[in-house]
C-alpha atoms as a PDB file:
ATOM      1  CA  MET A   1     -12.301  22.051 -28.200  1.00  0.00           C
ATOM      2  CA  THR A   2     -10.720  18.691 -27.428  1.00  0.00           C
ATOM      3  CA  LEU A   3      -8.055  17.879 -24.921  1.00  0.00           C
ATOM      4  CA  PRO A   4      -4.744  16.956 -26.508  1.00  0.00           C
ATOM      5  CA  SER A   5      -3.027  13.745 -25.540  1.00  0.00           C
ATOM      6  CA  PRO A   6       0.760  13.286 -25.305  1.00  0.00           C
ATOM      7  CA  THR A   7       0.683  11.638 -28.726  1.00  0.00           C
ATOM      8  CA  GLY A   8      -1.218  14.522 -30.298  1.00  0.00           C
ATOM      9  CA  ALA A   9      -4.478  12.581 -30.668  1.00  0.00           C
ATOM     10  CA  PRO A  10      -7.658  14.019 -29.119  1.00  0.00           C
ATOM     11  CA  ALA A  11      -8.686  12.752 -25.714  1.00  0.00           C
ATOM     12  CA  PRO A  12     -11.444  10.121 -25.603  1.00  0.00           C
ATOM     13  CA  ARG A  13     -14.915  11.566 -26.122  1.00  0.00           C
ATOM     14  CA  ARG A  14     -16.136  10.578 -22.667  1.00  0.00           C
ATOM     15  CA  TRP A  15     -13.500  12.894 -21.133  1.00  0.00           C
ATOM     16  CA  ARG A  16     -13.942  15.860 -23.481  1.00  0.00           C
ATOM     17  CA  ASN A  17     -16.702  17.501 -21.508  1.00  0.00           C
ATOM     18  CA  ALA A  18     -15.369  16.509 -18.093  1.00  0.00           C
ATOM     19  CA  GLU A  19     -15.748  19.393 -15.676  1.00  0.00           C
ATOM     20  CA  SER A  20     -13.357  18.004 -13.075  1.00  0.00           C
ATOM     21  CA  PRO A  21      -9.728  19.086 -13.555  1.00  0.00           C
ATOM     22  CA  VAL A  22      -8.699  15.711 -12.134  1.00  0.00           C
ATOM     23  CA  LEU A  23     -10.583  13.874 -14.878  1.00  0.00           C
ATOM     24  CA  ARG A  24      -9.125  16.161 -17.517  1.00  0.00           C
ATOM     25  CA  ALA A  25      -5.634  15.530 -16.175  1.00  0.00           C
ATOM     26  CA  PHE A  26      -6.318  11.791 -16.181  1.00  0.00           C
ATOM     27  CA  ALA A  27      -7.420  11.962 -19.812  1.00  0.00           C
ATOM     28  CA  ARG A  28      -4.192  13.703 -20.800  1.00  0.00           C
ATOM     29  CA  SER A  29      -1.789  11.374 -18.996  1.00  0.00           C
ATOM     30  CA  ARG A  30      -1.031   8.043 -20.631  1.00  0.00           C
ATOM     31  CA  THR A  31       1.329   7.260 -17.757  1.00  0.00           C
ATOM     32  CA  VAL A  32      -1.328   7.403 -15.057  1.00  0.00           C
ATOM     33  CA  GLN A  33      -3.758   5.509 -17.275  1.00  0.00           C
ATOM     34  CA  LEU A  34      -1.208   2.714 -17.540  1.00  0.00           C
ATOM     35  CA  ALA A  35      -0.633   2.823 -13.774  1.00  0.00           C
ATOM     36  CA  ALA A  36      -4.382   2.668 -13.149  1.00  0.00           C
ATOM     37  CA  PHE A  37      -4.669  -0.300 -15.510  1.00  0.00           C
ATOM     38  CA  VAL A  38      -1.902  -2.140 -13.644  1.00  0.00           C
ATOM     39  CA  LEU A  39      -3.533  -1.426 -10.277  1.00  0.00           C
ATOM     40  CA  LEU A  40      -6.929  -2.569 -11.538  1.00  0.00           C
ATOM     41  CA  LEU A  41      -5.400  -5.731 -12.971  1.00  0.00           C
ATOM     42  CA  VAL A  42      -3.590  -6.476  -9.703  1.00  0.00           C
ATOM     43  CA  ALA A  43      -6.732  -5.848  -7.643  1.00  0.00           C
ATOM     44  CA  LEU A  44      -8.849  -8.137  -9.822  1.00  0.00           C
ATOM     45  CA  ALA A  45      -6.163 -10.838  -9.897  1.00  0.00           C
ATOM     46  CA  SER A  46      -5.861 -10.856  -6.111  1.00  0.00           C
ATOM     47  CA  LEU A  47      -9.633 -10.741  -5.605  1.00  0.00           C
ATOM     48  CA  PHE A  48     -10.306 -13.680  -7.912  1.00  0.00           C
ATOM     49  CA  ALA A  49      -7.132 -15.608  -7.070  1.00  0.00           C
ATOM     50  CA  PRO A  50      -8.978 -18.766  -5.910  1.00  0.00           C
ATOM     51  CA  TRP A  51     -10.693 -18.996  -9.290  1.00  0.00           C
ATOM     52  CA  ILE A  52      -7.749 -17.966 -11.478  1.00  0.00           C
ATOM     53  CA  ALA A  53      -5.044 -20.056  -9.803  1.00  0.00           C
ATOM     54  CA  ARG A  54      -4.821 -23.673 -10.881  1.00  0.00           C
ATOM     55  CA  GLN A  55      -4.049 -24.752  -7.298  1.00  0.00           C
ATOM     56  CA  ASP A  56      -3.832 -23.504  -3.751  1.00  0.00           C
ATOM     57  CA  PRO A  57      -0.043 -23.349  -3.735  1.00  0.00           C
ATOM     58  CA  PHE A  58       0.171 -23.648   0.035  1.00  0.00           C
ATOM     59  CA  ASP A  59      -2.083 -26.673   0.457  1.00  0.00           C
ATOM     60  CA  PRO A  60       0.283 -29.657   0.869  1.00  0.00           C
ATOM     61  CA  ALA A  61      -2.390 -32.022  -0.422  1.00  0.00           C
ATOM     62  CA  VAL A  62      -2.279 -30.574  -3.955  1.00  0.00           C
ATOM     63  CA  LEU A  63       1.486 -30.177  -4.374  1.00  0.00           C
ATOM     64  CA  ASP A  64       3.366 -32.427  -6.807  1.00  0.00           C
ATOM     65  CA  LEU A  65       6.971 -32.830  -5.706  1.00  0.00           C
ATOM     66  CA  ILE A  66       7.758 -34.556  -8.994  1.00  0.00           C
ATOM     67  CA  ASP A  67       7.077 -31.196 -10.685  1.00  0.00           C
ATOM     68  CA  ALA A  68       9.662 -29.338  -8.574  1.00  0.00           C
ATOM     69  CA  PHE A  69      11.811 -26.859 -10.519  1.00  0.00           C
ATOM     70  CA  THR A  70       9.746 -27.152 -13.704  1.00  0.00           C
ATOM     71  CA  PRO A  71      10.904 -24.243 -15.947  1.00  0.00           C
ATOM     72  CA  PRO A  72       8.421 -21.576 -17.099  1.00  0.00           C
ATOM     73  CA  GLY A  73       6.135 -22.488 -19.973  1.00  0.00           C
ATOM     74  CA  GLN A  74       6.638 -26.232 -19.664  1.00  0.00           C
ATOM     75  CA  GLN A  75       4.737 -29.241 -18.393  1.00  0.00           C
ATOM     76  CA  GLY A  76       5.828 -30.998 -15.241  1.00  0.00           C
ATOM     77  CA  ALA A  77       6.263 -34.741 -14.826  1.00  0.00           C
ATOM     78  CA  SER A  78       2.639 -34.947 -13.661  1.00  0.00           C
ATOM     79  CA  GLY A  79       1.431 -33.382 -16.908  1.00  0.00           C
ATOM     80  CA  ALA A  80       0.444 -30.054 -15.317  1.00  0.00           C
ATOM     81  CA  PHE A  81       1.389 -26.877 -17.185  1.00  0.00           C
ATOM     82  CA  TYR A  82       3.337 -24.184 -15.321  1.00  0.00           C
ATOM     83  CA  PRO A  83       3.260 -20.802 -17.133  1.00  0.00           C
ATOM     84  CA  LEU A  84       5.766 -19.237 -14.711  1.00  0.00           C
ATOM     85  CA  GLY A  85       7.412 -22.450 -13.587  1.00  0.00           C
ATOM     86  CA  ALA A  86       7.349 -24.358 -10.295  1.00  0.00           C
ATOM     87  CA  ASP A  87       9.433 -23.958  -7.142  1.00  0.00           C
ATOM     88  CA  ASP A  88      11.287 -26.504  -5.031  1.00  0.00           C
ATOM     89  CA  GLN A  89       8.033 -27.855  -3.550  1.00  0.00           C
ATOM     90  CA  GLY A  90       6.260 -28.199  -6.878  1.00  0.00           C
ATOM     91  CA  ARG A  91       4.200 -25.068  -6.260  1.00  0.00           C
ATOM     92  CA  ASP A  92       2.917 -23.212  -9.284  1.00  0.00           C
ATOM     93  CA  VAL A  93       4.742 -19.860  -9.171  1.00  0.00           C
ATOM     94  CA  PHE A  94       1.865 -18.102 -10.956  1.00  0.00           C
ATOM     95  CA  SER A  95      -0.633 -19.340  -8.346  1.00  0.00           C
ATOM     96  CA  ALA A  96       1.751 -18.432  -5.526  1.00  0.00           C
ATOM     97  CA  ILE A  97       2.040 -14.870  -6.870  1.00  0.00           C
ATOM     98  CA  LEU A  98      -1.751 -14.496  -6.993  1.00  0.00           C
ATOM     99  CA  TYR A  99      -2.108 -15.590  -3.377  1.00  0.00           C
ATOM    100  CA  GLY A 100       0.908 -13.527  -2.348  1.00  0.00           C
ATOM    101  CA  LEU A 101      -0.665 -10.445  -3.910  1.00  0.00           C
ATOM    102  CA  ARG A 102      -3.773 -10.903  -1.778  1.00  0.00           C
ATOM    103  CA  MET A 103      -1.765 -10.866   1.427  1.00  0.00           C
ATOM    104  CA  SER A 104       0.453  -7.947   0.366  1.00  0.00           C
ATOM    105  CA  LEU A 105      -2.555  -5.826  -0.604  1.00  0.00           C
ATOM    106  CA  LEU A 106      -4.381  -6.745   2.602  1.00  0.00           C
ATOM    107  CA  VAL A 107      -1.422  -5.671   4.712  1.00  0.00           C
ATOM    108  CA  GLY A 108      -0.956  -2.470   2.687  1.00  0.00           C
ATOM    109  CA  VAL A 109      -4.587  -1.359   2.921  1.00  0.00           C
ATOM    110  CA  SER A 110      -4.871  -2.262   6.609  1.00  0.00           C
ATOM    111  CA  ALA A 111      -1.626  -0.495   7.525  1.00  0.00           C
ATOM    112  CA  VAL A 112      -2.694   2.677   5.705  1.00  0.00           C
ATOM    113  CA  GLY A 113      -6.076   2.531   7.441  1.00  0.00           C
ATOM    114  CA  LEU A 114      -4.396   2.261  10.842  1.00  0.00           C
ATOM    115  CA  SER A 115      -2.036   5.152  10.058  1.00  0.00           C
ATOM    116  CA  LEU A 116      -4.992   7.284   8.978  1.00  0.00           C
ATOM    117  CA  ALA A 117      -6.981   6.401  12.084  1.00  0.00           C
ATOM    118  CA  ILE A 118      -4.106   7.523  14.309  1.00  0.00           C
ATOM    119  CA  GLY A 119      -2.479  10.369  12.404  1.00  0.00           C
ATOM    120  CA  VAL A 120      -5.487  12.327  11.136  1.00  0.00           C
ATOM    121  CA  PRO A 121      -7.294  12.739  14.501  1.00  0.00           C
ATOM    122  CA  LEU A 122      -4.029  13.611  16.260  1.00  0.00           C
ATOM    123  CA  GLY A 123      -3.185  16.153  13.562  1.00  0.00           C
ATOM    124  CA  LEU A 124      -6.661  17.698  13.725  1.00  0.00           C
ATOM    125  CA  ALA A 125      -6.597  17.993  17.504  1.00  0.00           C
ATOM    126  CA  ALA A 126      -3.015  19.265  17.683  1.00  0.00           C
ATOM    127  CA  GLY A 127      -3.492  21.873  14.968  1.00  0.00           C
ATOM    128  CA  TYR A 128      -6.782  23.212  16.320  1.00  0.00           C
ATOM    129  CA  ALA A 129      -6.092  23.086  20.053  1.00  0.00           C
ATOM    130  CA  GLY A 130      -2.438  24.123  20.003  1.00  0.00           C
ATOM    131  CA  GLY A 131      -0.726  24.577  23.345  1.00  0.00           C
ATOM    132  CA  TRP A 132       0.833  21.714  25.287  1.00  0.00           C
ATOM    133  CA  PHE A 133      -1.034  19.022  23.353  1.00  0.00           C
ATOM    134  CA  ASP A 134       0.301  20.291  20.036  1.00  0.00           C
ATOM    135  CA  THR A 135       3.817  20.435  21.479  1.00  0.00           C
ATOM    136  CA  LEU A 136       3.555  16.897  22.874  1.00  0.00           C
ATOM    137  CA  VAL A 137       2.294  15.356  19.625  1.00  0.00           C
ATOM    138  CA  MET A 138       4.896  17.111  17.499  1.00  0.00           C
ATOM    139  CA  ARG A 139       7.784  16.197  19.813  1.00  0.00           C
ATOM    140  CA  VAL A 140       6.740  12.539  19.734  1.00  0.00           C
ATOM    141  CA  ALA A 141       6.522  12.778  15.946  1.00  0.00           C
ATOM    142  CA  ASP A 142       9.953  14.406  15.742  1.00  0.00           C
ATOM    143  CA  VAL A 143      11.515  11.659  17.843  1.00  0.00           C
ATOM    144  CA  GLN A 144       9.951   8.946  15.694  1.00  0.00           C
ATOM    145  CA  LEU A 145      11.081  10.664  12.494  1.00  0.00           C
ATOM    146  CA  THR A 146      14.704  10.409  13.607  1.00  0.00           C
ATOM    147  CA  PHE A 147      14.484   6.650  13.048  1.00  0.00           C
ATOM    148  CA  PRO A 148      13.916   4.965   9.664  1.00  0.00           C
ATOM    149  CA  VAL A 149      10.413   3.597   9.131  1.00  0.00           C
ATOM    150  CA  LEU A 150      11.731   0.069   8.676  1.00  0.00           C
ATOM    151  CA  LEU A 151      13.662   0.227  11.956  1.00  0.00           C
ATOM    152  CA  VAL A 152      10.577   1.428  13.844  1.00  0.00           C
ATOM    153  CA  ALA A 153       8.506  -1.347  12.251  1.00  0.00           C
ATOM    154  CA  LEU A 154      11.126  -3.938  13.229  1.00  0.00           C
ATOM    155  CA  LEU A 155      11.137  -2.654  16.814  1.00  0.00           C
ATOM    156  CA  ILE A 156       7.337  -2.720  17.121  1.00  0.00           C
ATOM    157  CA  PHE A 157       7.172  -6.127  15.441  1.00  0.00           C
ATOM    158  CA  GLY A 158       9.773  -7.564  17.809  1.00  0.00           C
ATOM    159  CA  ILE A 159       8.047  -6.205  20.926  1.00  0.00           C
ATOM    160  CA  ALA A 160       4.627  -7.462  19.819  1.00  0.00           C
ATOM    161  CA  ARG A 161       5.955 -10.905  18.924  1.00  0.00           C
ATOM    162  CA  GLY A 162       7.703 -11.121  22.273  1.00  0.00           C
ATOM    163  CA  LEU A 163       4.488 -10.380  24.160  1.00  0.00           C
ATOM    164  CA  LEU A 164       2.468 -13.046  22.327  1.00  0.00           C
ATOM    165  CA  PRO A 165       2.464 -16.691  23.463  1.00  0.00           C
ATOM    166  CA  GLU A 166       4.484 -18.845  21.084  1.00  0.00           C
ATOM    167  CA  GLY A 167       1.455 -20.826  19.924  1.00  0.00           C
ATOM    168  CA  TYR A 168      -0.326 -17.676  18.718  1.00  0.00           C
ATOM    169  CA  ARG A 169       2.520 -15.949  16.913  1.00  0.00           C
ATOM    170  CA  ASP A 170       1.826 -17.340  13.446  1.00  0.00           C
ATOM    171  CA  ASP A 171      -1.942 -16.850  13.804  1.00  0.00           C
ATOM    172  CA  MET A 172      -1.464 -13.224  14.834  1.00  0.00           C
ATOM    173  CA  ALA A 173       1.344 -12.483  12.368  1.00  0.00           C
ATOM    174  CA  VAL A 174      -0.851 -10.454   9.994  1.00  0.00           C
ATOM    175  CA  TYR A 175      -2.194  -8.263  12.798  1.00  0.00           C
ATOM    176  CA  VAL A 176       1.270  -7.755  14.241  1.00  0.00           C
ATOM    177  CA  ILE A 177       2.823  -6.681  10.950  1.00  0.00           C
ATOM    178  CA  VAL A 178      -0.113  -4.359  10.180  1.00  0.00           C
ATOM    179  CA  ALA A 179       0.323  -2.747  13.597  1.00  0.00           C
ATOM    180  CA  ALA A 180       4.086  -2.480  13.118  1.00  0.00           C
ATOM    181  CA  ILE A 181       3.801  -0.739   9.743  1.00  0.00           C
ATOM    182  CA  GLY A 182       0.771   1.365  10.665  1.00  0.00           C
ATOM    183  CA  LEU A 183       2.325   2.658  13.891  1.00  0.00           C
ATOM    184  CA  SER A 184       5.512   3.566  12.039  1.00  0.00           C
ATOM    185  CA  GLU A 185       3.784   5.714   9.378  1.00  0.00           C
ATOM    186  CA  TRP A 186       1.186   7.789  11.266  1.00  0.00           C
ATOM    187  CA  VAL A 187       3.600  10.698  11.674  1.00  0.00           C
ATOM    188  CA  GLN A 188       3.300  11.898   8.064  1.00  0.00           C
ATOM    189  CA  TYR A 189      -0.472  12.232   8.372  1.00  0.00           C
ATOM    190  CA  ALA A 190      -0.306  13.994  11.730  1.00  0.00           C
ATOM    191  CA  ARG A 191       2.257  16.579  10.615  1.00  0.00           C
ATOM    192  CA  THR A 192       0.515  17.320   7.308  1.00  0.00           C
ATOM    193  CA  VAL A 193      -2.960  17.606   8.827  1.00  0.00           C
ATOM    194  CA  ARG A 194      -1.706  19.676  11.754  1.00  0.00           C
ATOM    195  CA  GLY A 195      -0.047  22.201   9.432  1.00  0.00           C
ATOM    196  CA  ALA A 196      -3.134  22.474   7.239  1.00  0.00           C
ATOM    197  CA  VAL A 197      -5.455  22.906  10.233  1.00  0.00           C
ATOM    198  CA  MET A 198      -3.323  25.749  11.586  1.00  0.00           C
ATOM    199  CA  LEU A 199      -3.933  27.591   8.317  1.00  0.00           C
ATOM    200  CA  GLU A 200      -7.617  26.700   7.958  1.00  0.00           C
ATOM    201  CA  LYS A 201      -8.714  27.551  11.512  1.00  0.00           C
ATOM    202  CA  HIS A 202      -8.107  31.271  10.953  1.00  0.00           C
ATOM    203  CA  LYS A 203     -10.339  31.488   7.867  1.00  0.00           C
ATOM    204  CA  ASP A 204     -13.750  33.142   7.766  1.00  0.00           C
ATOM    205  CA  TYR A 205     -15.814  29.972   7.400  1.00  0.00           C
ATOM    206  CA  VAL A 206     -14.379  28.626  10.673  1.00  0.00           C
ATOM    207  CA  ALA A 207     -15.141  31.918  12.440  1.00  0.00           C
ATOM    208  CA  ALA A 208     -18.704  31.765  11.096  1.00  0.00           C
ATOM    209  CA  ALA A 209     -19.115  28.223  12.401  1.00  0.00           C
ATOM    210  CA  GLN A 210     -17.884  29.347  15.820  1.00  0.00           C
ATOM    211  CA  ILE A 211     -20.331  32.261  15.867  1.00  0.00           C
ATOM    212  CA  ILE A 212     -23.334  30.017  15.249  1.00  0.00           C
ATOM    213  CA  GLY A 213     -22.275  27.749  18.091  1.00  0.00           C
ATOM    214  CA  ARG A 214     -20.660  24.768  16.391  1.00  0.00           C
ATOM    215  CA  SER A 215     -18.663  22.553  18.712  1.00  0.00           C
ATOM    216  CA  ARG A 216     -14.947  22.007  18.194  1.00  0.00           C
ATOM    217  CA  THR A 217     -15.577  18.473  17.009  1.00  0.00           C
ATOM    218  CA  GLY A 218     -18.259  19.648  14.603  1.00  0.00           C
ATOM    219  CA  ILE A 219     -16.001  22.341  13.163  1.00  0.00           C
ATOM    220  CA  LEU A 220     -13.129  19.915  12.700  1.00  0.00           C
ATOM    221  CA  VAL A 221     -15.164  17.079  11.194  1.00  0.00           C
ATOM    222  CA  ARG A 222     -17.781  18.949   9.155  1.00  0.00           C
ATOM    223  CA  HIS A 223     -15.877  22.046   8.041  1.00  0.00           C
ATOM    224  CA  ILE A 224     -12.094  21.682   8.245  1.00  0.00           C
ATOM    225  CA  LEU A 225     -11.569  17.986   7.498  1.00  0.00           C
ATOM    226  CA  PRO A 226     -13.273  18.038   4.045  1.00  0.00           C
ATOM    227  CA  ASN A 227     -10.782  20.701   2.946  1.00  0.00           C
ATOM    228  CA  LEU A 228      -7.866  18.455   3.916  1.00  0.00           C
ATOM    229  CA  LEU A 229      -8.889  15.374   1.956  1.00  0.00           C
ATOM    230  CA  ALA A 230      -6.645  16.144  -1.025  1.00  0.00           C
ATOM    231  CA  PRO A 231      -3.283  16.098   0.817  1.00  0.00           C
ATOM    232  CA  VAL A 232      -4.402  13.171   2.979  1.00  0.00           C
ATOM    233  CA  LEU A 233      -5.362  11.184  -0.113  1.00  0.00           C
ATOM    234  CA  VAL A 234      -1.976  11.850  -1.701  1.00  0.00           C
ATOM    235  CA  ILE A 235      -0.124  10.734   1.424  1.00  0.00           C
ATOM    236  CA  ALA A 236      -2.307   7.626   1.690  1.00  0.00           C
ATOM    237  CA  THR A 237      -1.489   6.642  -1.886  1.00  0.00           C
ATOM    238  CA  ILE A 238       2.249   6.964  -1.355  1.00  0.00           C
ATOM    239  CA  SER A 239       2.052   5.298   2.075  1.00  0.00           C
ATOM    240  CA  PHE A 240       0.275   2.345   0.484  1.00  0.00           C
ATOM    241  CA  ALA A 241       3.283   1.690  -1.727  1.00  0.00           C
ATOM    242  CA  LEU A 242       5.642   2.137   1.221  1.00  0.00           C
ATOM    243  CA  ALA A 243       3.579  -0.279   3.318  1.00  0.00           C
ATOM    244  CA  ILE A 244       3.708  -2.973   0.637  1.00  0.00           C
ATOM    245  CA  VAL A 245       7.463  -2.564   0.242  1.00  0.00           C
ATOM    246  CA  ALA A 246       7.964  -2.527   4.032  1.00  0.00           C
ATOM    247  CA  GLU A 247       5.954  -5.727   4.445  1.00  0.00           C
ATOM    248  CA  SER A 248       7.879  -7.388   1.635  1.00  0.00           C
ATOM    249  CA  THR A 249      11.167  -6.289   3.204  1.00  0.00           C
ATOM    250  CA  LEU A 250      10.194  -7.635   6.620  1.00  0.00           C
ATOM    251  CA  SER A 251       9.058 -10.928   5.089  1.00  0.00           C
ATOM    252  CA  TYR A 252      12.266 -11.120   3.055  1.00  0.00           C
ATOM    253  CA  LEU A 253      14.267 -10.647   6.253  1.00  0.00           C
ATOM    254  CA  GLY A 254      12.351 -13.538   7.798  1.00  0.00           C
ATOM    255  CA  VAL A 255      10.531 -11.474  10.427  1.00  0.00           C
ATOM    256  CA  GLY A 256       7.295 -10.919   8.525  1.00  0.00           C
ATOM    257  CA  LEU A 257       4.535 -13.292   7.540  1.00  0.00           C
ATOM    258  CA  PRO A 258       5.020 -17.051   8.002  1.00  0.00           C
ATOM    259  CA  PRO A 259       5.135 -19.470   5.036  1.00  0.00           C
ATOM    260  CA  THR A 260       1.514 -20.449   5.711  1.00  0.00           C
ATOM    261  CA  GLN A 261       0.447 -16.841   4.997  1.00  0.00           C
ATOM    262  CA  PRO A 262       2.612 -15.975   1.995  1.00  0.00           C
ATOM    263  CA  SER A 263       3.188 -12.511   0.604  1.00  0.00           C
ATOM    264  CA  LEU A 264       5.337 -11.291  -2.257  1.00  0.00           C
ATOM    265  CA  GLY A 265       8.169 -10.746   0.208  1.00  0.00           C
ATOM    266  CA  THR A 266       7.899 -14.341   1.409  1.00  0.00           C
ATOM    267  CA  LEU A 267       8.064 -15.600  -2.179  1.00  0.00           C
ATOM    268  CA  ILE A 268      11.126 -13.451  -2.878  1.00  0.00           C
ATOM    269  CA  ARG A 269      12.830 -14.779   0.248  1.00  0.00           C
ATOM    270  CA  ILE A 270      12.116 -18.349  -0.872  1.00  0.00           C
ATOM    271  CA  GLY A 271      13.362 -17.650  -4.389  1.00  0.00           C
ATOM    272  CA  GLN A 272      16.607 -15.887  -3.516  1.00  0.00           C
ATOM    273  CA  GLY A 273      18.106 -19.182  -2.380  1.00  0.00           C
ATOM    274  CA  PHE A 274      17.776 -20.585  -5.898  1.00  0.00           C
ATOM    275  CA  LEU A 275      18.949 -17.566  -7.898  1.00  0.00           C
ATOM    276  CA  PHE A 276      22.456 -18.890  -8.526  1.00  0.00           C
ATOM    277  CA  SER A 277      21.490 -22.539  -8.881  1.00  0.00           C
ATOM    278  CA  GLY A 278      19.705 -22.040 -12.200  1.00  0.00           C
ATOM    279  CA  GLU A 279      16.091 -21.791 -10.968  1.00  0.00           C
ATOM    280  CA  TRP A 280      15.926 -18.026 -11.537  1.00  0.00           C
ATOM    281  CA  TRP A 281      12.174 -17.883 -12.157  1.00  0.00           C
ATOM    282  CA  ILE A 282      11.331 -18.595  -8.505  1.00  0.00           C
ATOM    283  CA  LEU A 283      12.762 -15.184  -7.573  1.00  0.00           C
ATOM    284  CA  LEU A 284      12.352 -13.186 -10.776  1.00  0.00           C
ATOM    285  CA  PHE A 285       8.594 -13.259 -11.297  1.00  0.00           C
ATOM    286  CA  PRO A 286       7.522 -12.329  -7.723  1.00  0.00           C
ATOM    287  CA  ALA A 287      10.148  -9.559  -7.734  1.00  0.00           C
ATOM    288  CA  LEU A 288       8.856  -8.186 -11.055  1.00  0.00           C
ATOM    289  CA  VAL A 289       5.275  -8.173  -9.774  1.00  0.00           C
ATOM    290  CA  LEU A 290       6.330  -6.325  -6.618  1.00  0.00           C
ATOM    291  CA  LEU A 291       8.298  -3.816  -8.704  1.00  0.00           C
ATOM    292  CA  ALA A 292       5.368  -3.217 -11.068  1.00  0.00           C
ATOM    293  CA  LEU A 293       2.928  -2.791  -8.181  1.00  0.00           C
ATOM    294  CA  ALA A 294       5.126  -0.365  -6.244  1.00  0.00           C
ATOM    295  CA  LEU A 295       5.930   1.622  -9.399  1.00  0.00           C
ATOM    296  CA  ALA A 296       2.265   1.873 -10.415  1.00  0.00           C
ATOM    297  CA  VAL A 297       1.212   3.092  -6.964  1.00  0.00           C
ATOM    298  CA  ASN A 298       4.025   5.652  -6.833  1.00  0.00           C
ATOM    299  CA  LEU A 299       3.193   6.954 -10.313  1.00  0.00           C
ATOM    300  CA  ALA A 300      -0.467   7.253  -9.346  1.00  0.00           C
ATOM    301  CA  GLY A 301       0.476   9.064  -6.138  1.00  0.00           C
ATOM    302  CA  ASP A 302       2.769  11.529  -7.910  1.00  0.00           C
ATOM    303  CA  TRP A 303       0.111  12.233 -10.522  1.00  0.00           C
ATOM    304  CA  LEU A 304      -2.575  12.681  -7.878  1.00  0.00           C
ATOM    305  CA  ARG A 305      -0.368  15.131  -5.982  1.00  0.00           C
ATOM    306  CA  ASP A 306       0.054  17.256  -9.109  1.00  0.00           C
ATOM    307  CA  ALA A 307      -3.583  16.926 -10.206  1.00  0.00           C
ATOM    308  CA  LEU A 308      -4.900  18.102  -6.827  1.00  0.00           C
ATOM    309  CA  ASN A 309      -2.444  21.000  -6.572  1.00  0.00           C
ATOM    310  CA  PRO A 310      -4.367  24.176  -7.524  1.00  0.00           C
ATOM    311  CA  ARG A 311      -1.108  25.990  -8.324  1.00  0.00           C
ATOM    312  CA  LEU A 312      -0.534  23.598 -11.231  1.00  0.00           C
ATOM    313  CA  GLN A 313      -4.024  23.891 -12.704  1.00  0.00           C
END
């Protein structure tokens, strides 16, 4: 028996005998396959950006000012071809997007990693220990949830920048923005993990581990945590998209990464000044890439949430 696809054609042979329900769901969904293709393409493009890009768009030595504002698909005055056009400094927009993707993905992955490192242990400890520690963690989380994520990130970013000496602010900008976004998103992990632990800790396998003398840390790490990976993975996927959008928003507002460390948000901020002067491509193409990336991650996260939900199997 073959798995039907949305178009009525049988699923690819390599998926027909897949035992995992996740793989079977992946084989049936053309939408998530397209999202996965986009994410793979973006990851490869950012990884191999130095070899794909025709120039380092932020090295002043290779910029051609005579090529400034070259329209997409045309040659500049220097003879160089610009598939997505050039900006006001003669930068190749295509090359700038590739380098901007690298920084946006780096910030997104790092921010999610920081949120995981804070939220998951706090959620595990609060859910298992209960008592005053659980109350303290949840009240802090409740207070933080009353503020928008972007506002919390702006506050943390401003405090961190104010504490740094002026000469180090640009050099530390990536670390500061990762900390700002990561510290603003740990709450979702802590609340989800805490709720799941409160259900899991009363099950028989936890009681058996306690009887044989397992420590609290051993029970949490070796027995309870593996059963929580599915919801944590779903939250991480969605948080990754939120982190990329948050970084782009901060950079667009001028409080994110400096021009020497460009991201997609930086490119959009540069391009918005030329939108109504006829040089639309400087803004349009970075914005489209950001939209495609955020949409692909969100689609993958929604699919993963449904695929890992046993009630929908």
